[in-house]
Amino acid sequence: MSFRFAMPRSRRRPSLTPMIDVVFLLLVFFMLAARFGVEGGLDLRIAGGGATAWVGPPRLVQIDADMVRLNGQPTDVAGLVSTLDRMTDTENDLILLQATEGTDLQRLLDVMAALNAADLTNLALVAP
């Protein structure tokens, strides 16, 4: 009795075409699903245009690296928002922001975001 085994076949190489197709489909999916553009922004004007007349009490917010001052009086951000809320008649009243030397941009943006959250949106930036 003799056993006959099948003839050895040459080894088959896997095709890369299906993998490339899947990679391109994933690429197209992520390109279409991605959101391009600006996520959000803060509306800010540069003061000094003279377009509107000043109305009401002075509202100058000086932003230092470690504290915030309203009309020269030191306060914290929560106190700033409540005081400015009492000083303004509408949310369209102008508030001047002045970042002093050594203040980083993130500190300025944090104060602006707190004011925007309190519906105080008419902000203007003045030079130190």
C-alpha atoms as a PDB file:
ATOM      1  CA  MET A   1       0.000   0.000   0.000  1.00  0.00           C
ATOM      2  CA  SER A   2       1.453   3.304  -1.005  1.00  0.00           C
ATOM      3  CA  PHE A   3       0.234   6.708  -0.104  1.00  0.00           C
ATOM      4  CA  ARG A   4       0.152   9.391  -2.649  1.00  0.00           C
ATOM      5  CA  PHE A   5       0.278  12.938  -1.456  1.00  0.00           C
ATOM      6  CA  ALA A   6      -0.859  15.905  -3.475  1.00  0.00           C
ATOM      7  CA  MET A   7       1.693  17.779  -5.421  1.00  0.00           C
ATOM      8  CA  PRO A   8       3.039  20.758  -3.474  1.00  0.00           C
ATOM      9  CA  ARG A   9       1.567  23.992  -4.717  1.00  0.00           C
ATOM     10  CA  SER A  10       3.486  27.184  -4.999  1.00  0.00           C
ATOM     11  CA  ARG A  11       2.861  29.501  -2.134  1.00  0.00           C
ATOM     12  CA  ARG A  12       0.148  32.078  -2.855  1.00  0.00           C
ATOM     13  CA  ARG A  13       1.007  35.740  -2.208  1.00  0.00           C
ATOM     14  CA  PRO A  14      -1.703  37.801  -0.529  1.00  0.00           C
ATOM     15  CA  SER A  15      -3.132  40.618  -2.590  1.00  0.00           C
ATOM     16  CA  LEU A  16      -2.792  44.146  -1.208  1.00  0.00           C
ATOM     17  CA  THR A  17      -5.631  45.548  -3.290  1.00  0.00           C
ATOM     18  CA  PRO A  18      -8.424  44.987  -0.715  1.00  0.00           C
ATOM     19  CA  MET A  19      -6.339  46.560   2.033  1.00  0.00           C
ATOM     20  CA  ILE A  20      -5.596  49.612  -0.127  1.00  0.00           C
ATOM     21  CA  ASP A  21      -9.305  49.929  -0.943  1.00  0.00           C
ATOM     22  CA  VAL A  22     -10.197  49.900   2.748  1.00  0.00           C
ATOM     23  CA  VAL A  23      -7.546  52.519   3.547  1.00  0.00           C
ATOM     24  CA  PHE A  24      -8.854  54.828   0.814  1.00  0.00           C
ATOM     25  CA  LEU A  25     -12.427  54.374   2.005  1.00  0.00           C
ATOM     26  CA  LEU A  26     -11.374  55.294   5.549  1.00  0.00           C
ATOM     27  CA  LEU A  27      -9.502  58.304   4.213  1.00  0.00           C
ATOM     28  CA  VAL A  28     -12.561  59.519   2.297  1.00  0.00           C
ATOM     29  CA  PHE A  29     -14.805  58.930   5.322  1.00  0.00           C
ATOM     30  CA  PHE A  30     -12.607  60.963   7.676  1.00  0.00           C
ATOM     31  CA  MET A  31     -12.187  63.746   5.139  1.00  0.00           C
ATOM     32  CA  LEU A  32     -15.954  64.054   4.756  1.00  0.00           C
ATOM     33  CA  ALA A  33     -16.663  63.734   8.486  1.00  0.00           C
ATOM     34  CA  ALA A  34     -14.059  66.307   9.553  1.00  0.00           C
ATOM     35  CA  ARG A  35     -15.189  69.811  10.454  1.00  0.00           C
ATOM     36  CA  PHE A  36     -13.116  72.527   8.879  1.00  0.00           C
ATOM     37  CA  GLY A  37     -13.354  76.156   9.858  1.00  0.00           C
ATOM     38  CA  VAL A  38     -13.353  78.351  12.896  1.00  0.00           C
ATOM     39  CA  GLU A  39     -14.845  76.822  16.029  1.00  0.00           C
ATOM     40  CA  GLY A  40     -15.682  80.067  17.738  1.00  0.00           C
ATOM     41  CA  GLY A  41     -14.518  83.574  18.213  1.00  0.00           C
ATOM     42  CA  LEU A  42     -14.857  86.652  20.319  1.00  0.00           C
ATOM     43  CA  ASP A  43     -16.059  89.864  18.740  1.00  0.00           C
ATOM     44  CA  LEU A  44     -13.528  92.579  19.516  1.00  0.00           C
ATOM     45  CA  ARG A  45     -13.033  96.081  18.205  1.00  0.00           C
ATOM     46  CA  ILE A  46     -10.076  98.389  18.497  1.00  0.00           C
ATOM     47  CA  ALA A  47     -11.030 101.508  20.454  1.00  0.00           C
ATOM     48  CA  GLY A  48     -10.491 104.961  19.055  1.00  0.00           C
ATOM     49  CA  GLY A  49     -12.764 104.923  16.029  1.00  0.00           C
ATOM     50  CA  GLY A  50     -14.983 107.619  17.538  1.00  0.00           C
ATOM     51  CA  ALA A  51     -18.082 106.080  15.963  1.00  0.00           C
ATOM     52  CA  THR A  52     -20.213 106.194  19.105  1.00  0.00           C
ATOM     53  CA  ALA A  53     -20.401 108.759  21.878  1.00  0.00           C
ATOM     54  CA  TRP A  54     -19.527 107.660  25.385  1.00  0.00           C
ATOM     55  CA  VAL A  55     -22.591 107.105  27.570  1.00  0.00           C
ATOM     56  CA  GLY A  56     -22.657 106.387  31.304  1.00  0.00           C
ATOM     57  CA  PRO A  57     -19.944 105.967  33.893  1.00  0.00           C
ATOM     58  CA  PRO A  58     -16.383 105.038  32.882  1.00  0.00           C
ATOM     59  CA  ARG A  59     -15.894 101.313  32.389  1.00  0.00           C
ATOM     60  CA  LEU A  60     -12.169 100.656  32.001  1.00  0.00           C
ATOM     61  CA  VAL A  61     -11.062  97.121  32.829  1.00  0.00           C
ATOM     62  CA  GLN A  62      -7.306  96.805  33.320  1.00  0.00           C
ATOM     63  CA  ILE A  63      -6.072  93.230  33.144  1.00  0.00           C
ATOM     64  CA  ASP A  64      -2.821  92.383  34.906  1.00  0.00           C
ATOM     65  CA  ALA A  65      -1.083  89.022  35.095  1.00  0.00           C
ATOM     66  CA  ASP A  66      -2.387  88.418  38.621  1.00  0.00           C
ATOM     67  CA  MET A  67      -5.385  90.755  39.105  1.00  0.00           C
ATOM     68  CA  VAL A  68      -8.143  92.670  37.373  1.00  0.00           C
ATOM     69  CA  ARG A  69      -8.938  96.315  38.061  1.00  0.00           C
ATOM     70  CA  LEU A  70     -12.146  98.166  37.227  1.00  0.00           C
ATOM     71  CA  ASN A  71     -11.554 101.935  36.988  1.00  0.00           C
ATOM     72  CA  GLY A  72      -8.385 101.481  39.061  1.00  0.00           C
ATOM     73  CA  GLN A  73     -10.009  99.446  41.867  1.00  0.00           C
ATOM     74  CA  PRO A  74      -8.769  95.836  42.256  1.00  0.00           C
ATOM     75  CA  THR A  75     -11.411  93.129  41.936  1.00  0.00           C
ATOM     76  CA  ASP A  76     -11.779  89.509  40.919  1.00  0.00           C
ATOM     77  CA  VAL A  77     -13.488  88.329  37.736  1.00  0.00           C
ATOM     78  CA  ALA A  78     -16.778  87.449  39.467  1.00  0.00           C
ATOM     79  CA  GLY A  79     -16.872  90.848  41.190  1.00  0.00           C
ATOM     80  CA  LEU A  80     -15.989  92.508  37.894  1.00  0.00           C
ATOM     81  CA  VAL A  81     -18.948  90.916  36.127  1.00  0.00           C
ATOM     82  CA  SER A  82     -21.417  91.836  38.881  1.00  0.00           C
ATOM     83  CA  THR A  83     -20.141  95.426  39.125  1.00  0.00           C
ATOM     84  CA  LEU A  84     -20.208  95.925  35.359  1.00  0.00           C
ATOM     85  CA  ASP A  85     -23.700  94.465  35.263  1.00  0.00           C
ATOM     86  CA  ARG A  86     -24.820  97.197  37.676  1.00  0.00           C
ATOM     87  CA  MET A  87     -22.916  99.912  35.757  1.00  0.00           C
ATOM     88  CA  THR A  88     -24.402  99.147  32.356  1.00  0.00           C
ATOM     89  CA  ASP A  89     -27.955  99.844  31.216  1.00  0.00           C
ATOM     90  CA  THR A  90     -27.901  97.472  28.243  1.00  0.00           C
ATOM     91  CA  GLU A  91     -25.520  94.842  26.936  1.00  0.00           C
ATOM     92  CA  ASN A  92     -24.580  97.288  24.152  1.00  0.00           C
ATOM     93  CA  ASP A  93     -22.830  99.692  26.557  1.00  0.00           C
ATOM     94  CA  LEU A  94     -19.155  99.966  25.693  1.00  0.00           C
ATOM     95  CA  ILE A  95     -16.574  98.359  28.000  1.00  0.00           C
ATOM     96  CA  LEU A  96     -12.904  99.181  27.494  1.00  0.00           C
ATOM     97  CA  LEU A  97     -10.305  96.463  28.065  1.00  0.00           C
ATOM     98  CA  GLN A  98      -6.652  97.273  28.649  1.00  0.00           C
ATOM     99  CA  ALA A  99      -4.071  94.519  29.036  1.00  0.00           C
ATOM    100  CA  THR A 100      -0.987  95.760  30.872  1.00  0.00           C
ATOM    101  CA  GLU A 101       2.617  94.777  30.241  1.00  0.00           C
ATOM    102  CA  GLY A 102       3.351  91.145  31.058  1.00  0.00           C
ATOM    103  CA  THR A 103      -0.243  89.963  30.677  1.00  0.00           C
ATOM    104  CA  ASP A 104      -0.519  86.886  28.510  1.00  0.00           C
ATOM    105  CA  LEU A 105      -3.171  86.515  25.847  1.00  0.00           C
ATOM    106  CA  GLN A 106      -4.932  83.641  27.618  1.00  0.00           C
ATOM    107  CA  ARG A 107      -5.608  85.848  30.656  1.00  0.00           C
ATOM    108  CA  LEU A 108      -7.184  88.485  28.393  1.00  0.00           C
ATOM    109  CA  LEU A 109      -9.291  85.856  26.639  1.00  0.00           C
ATOM    110  CA  ASP A 110     -10.468  84.399  29.968  1.00  0.00           C
ATOM    111  CA  VAL A 111     -11.719  87.804  31.133  1.00  0.00           C
ATOM    112  CA  MET A 112     -13.384  88.418  27.757  1.00  0.00           C
ATOM    113  CA  ALA A 113     -15.079  85.022  27.896  1.00  0.00           C
ATOM    114  CA  ALA A 114     -16.399  85.767  31.401  1.00  0.00           C
ATOM    115  CA  LEU A 115     -17.803  89.093  30.194  1.00  0.00           C
ATOM    116  CA  ASN A 116     -19.365  87.473  27.126  1.00  0.00           C
ATOM    117  CA  ALA A 117     -20.954  84.801  29.322  1.00  0.00           C
ATOM    118  CA  ALA A 118     -22.619  87.611  31.297  1.00  0.00           C
ATOM    119  CA  ASP A 119     -23.993  89.119  28.029  1.00  0.00           C
ATOM    120  CA  LEU A 120     -21.557  92.028  28.125  1.00  0.00           C
ATOM    121  CA  THR A 121     -20.540  91.791  24.494  1.00  0.00           C
ATOM    122  CA  ASN A 122     -19.653  95.340  23.444  1.00  0.00           C
ATOM    123  CA  LEU A 123     -15.928  95.189  24.220  1.00  0.00           C
ATOM    124  CA  ALA A 124     -13.145  97.374  22.873  1.00  0.00           C
ATOM    125  CA  LEU A 125      -9.416  96.872  23.337  1.00  0.00           C
ATOM    126  CA  VAL A 126      -7.259  99.915  24.150  1.00  0.00           C
ATOM    127  CA  ALA A 127      -3.489 100.140  24.056  1.00  0.00           C
ATOM    128  CA  PRO A 128      -1.616 100.258  27.373  1.00  0.00           C
END
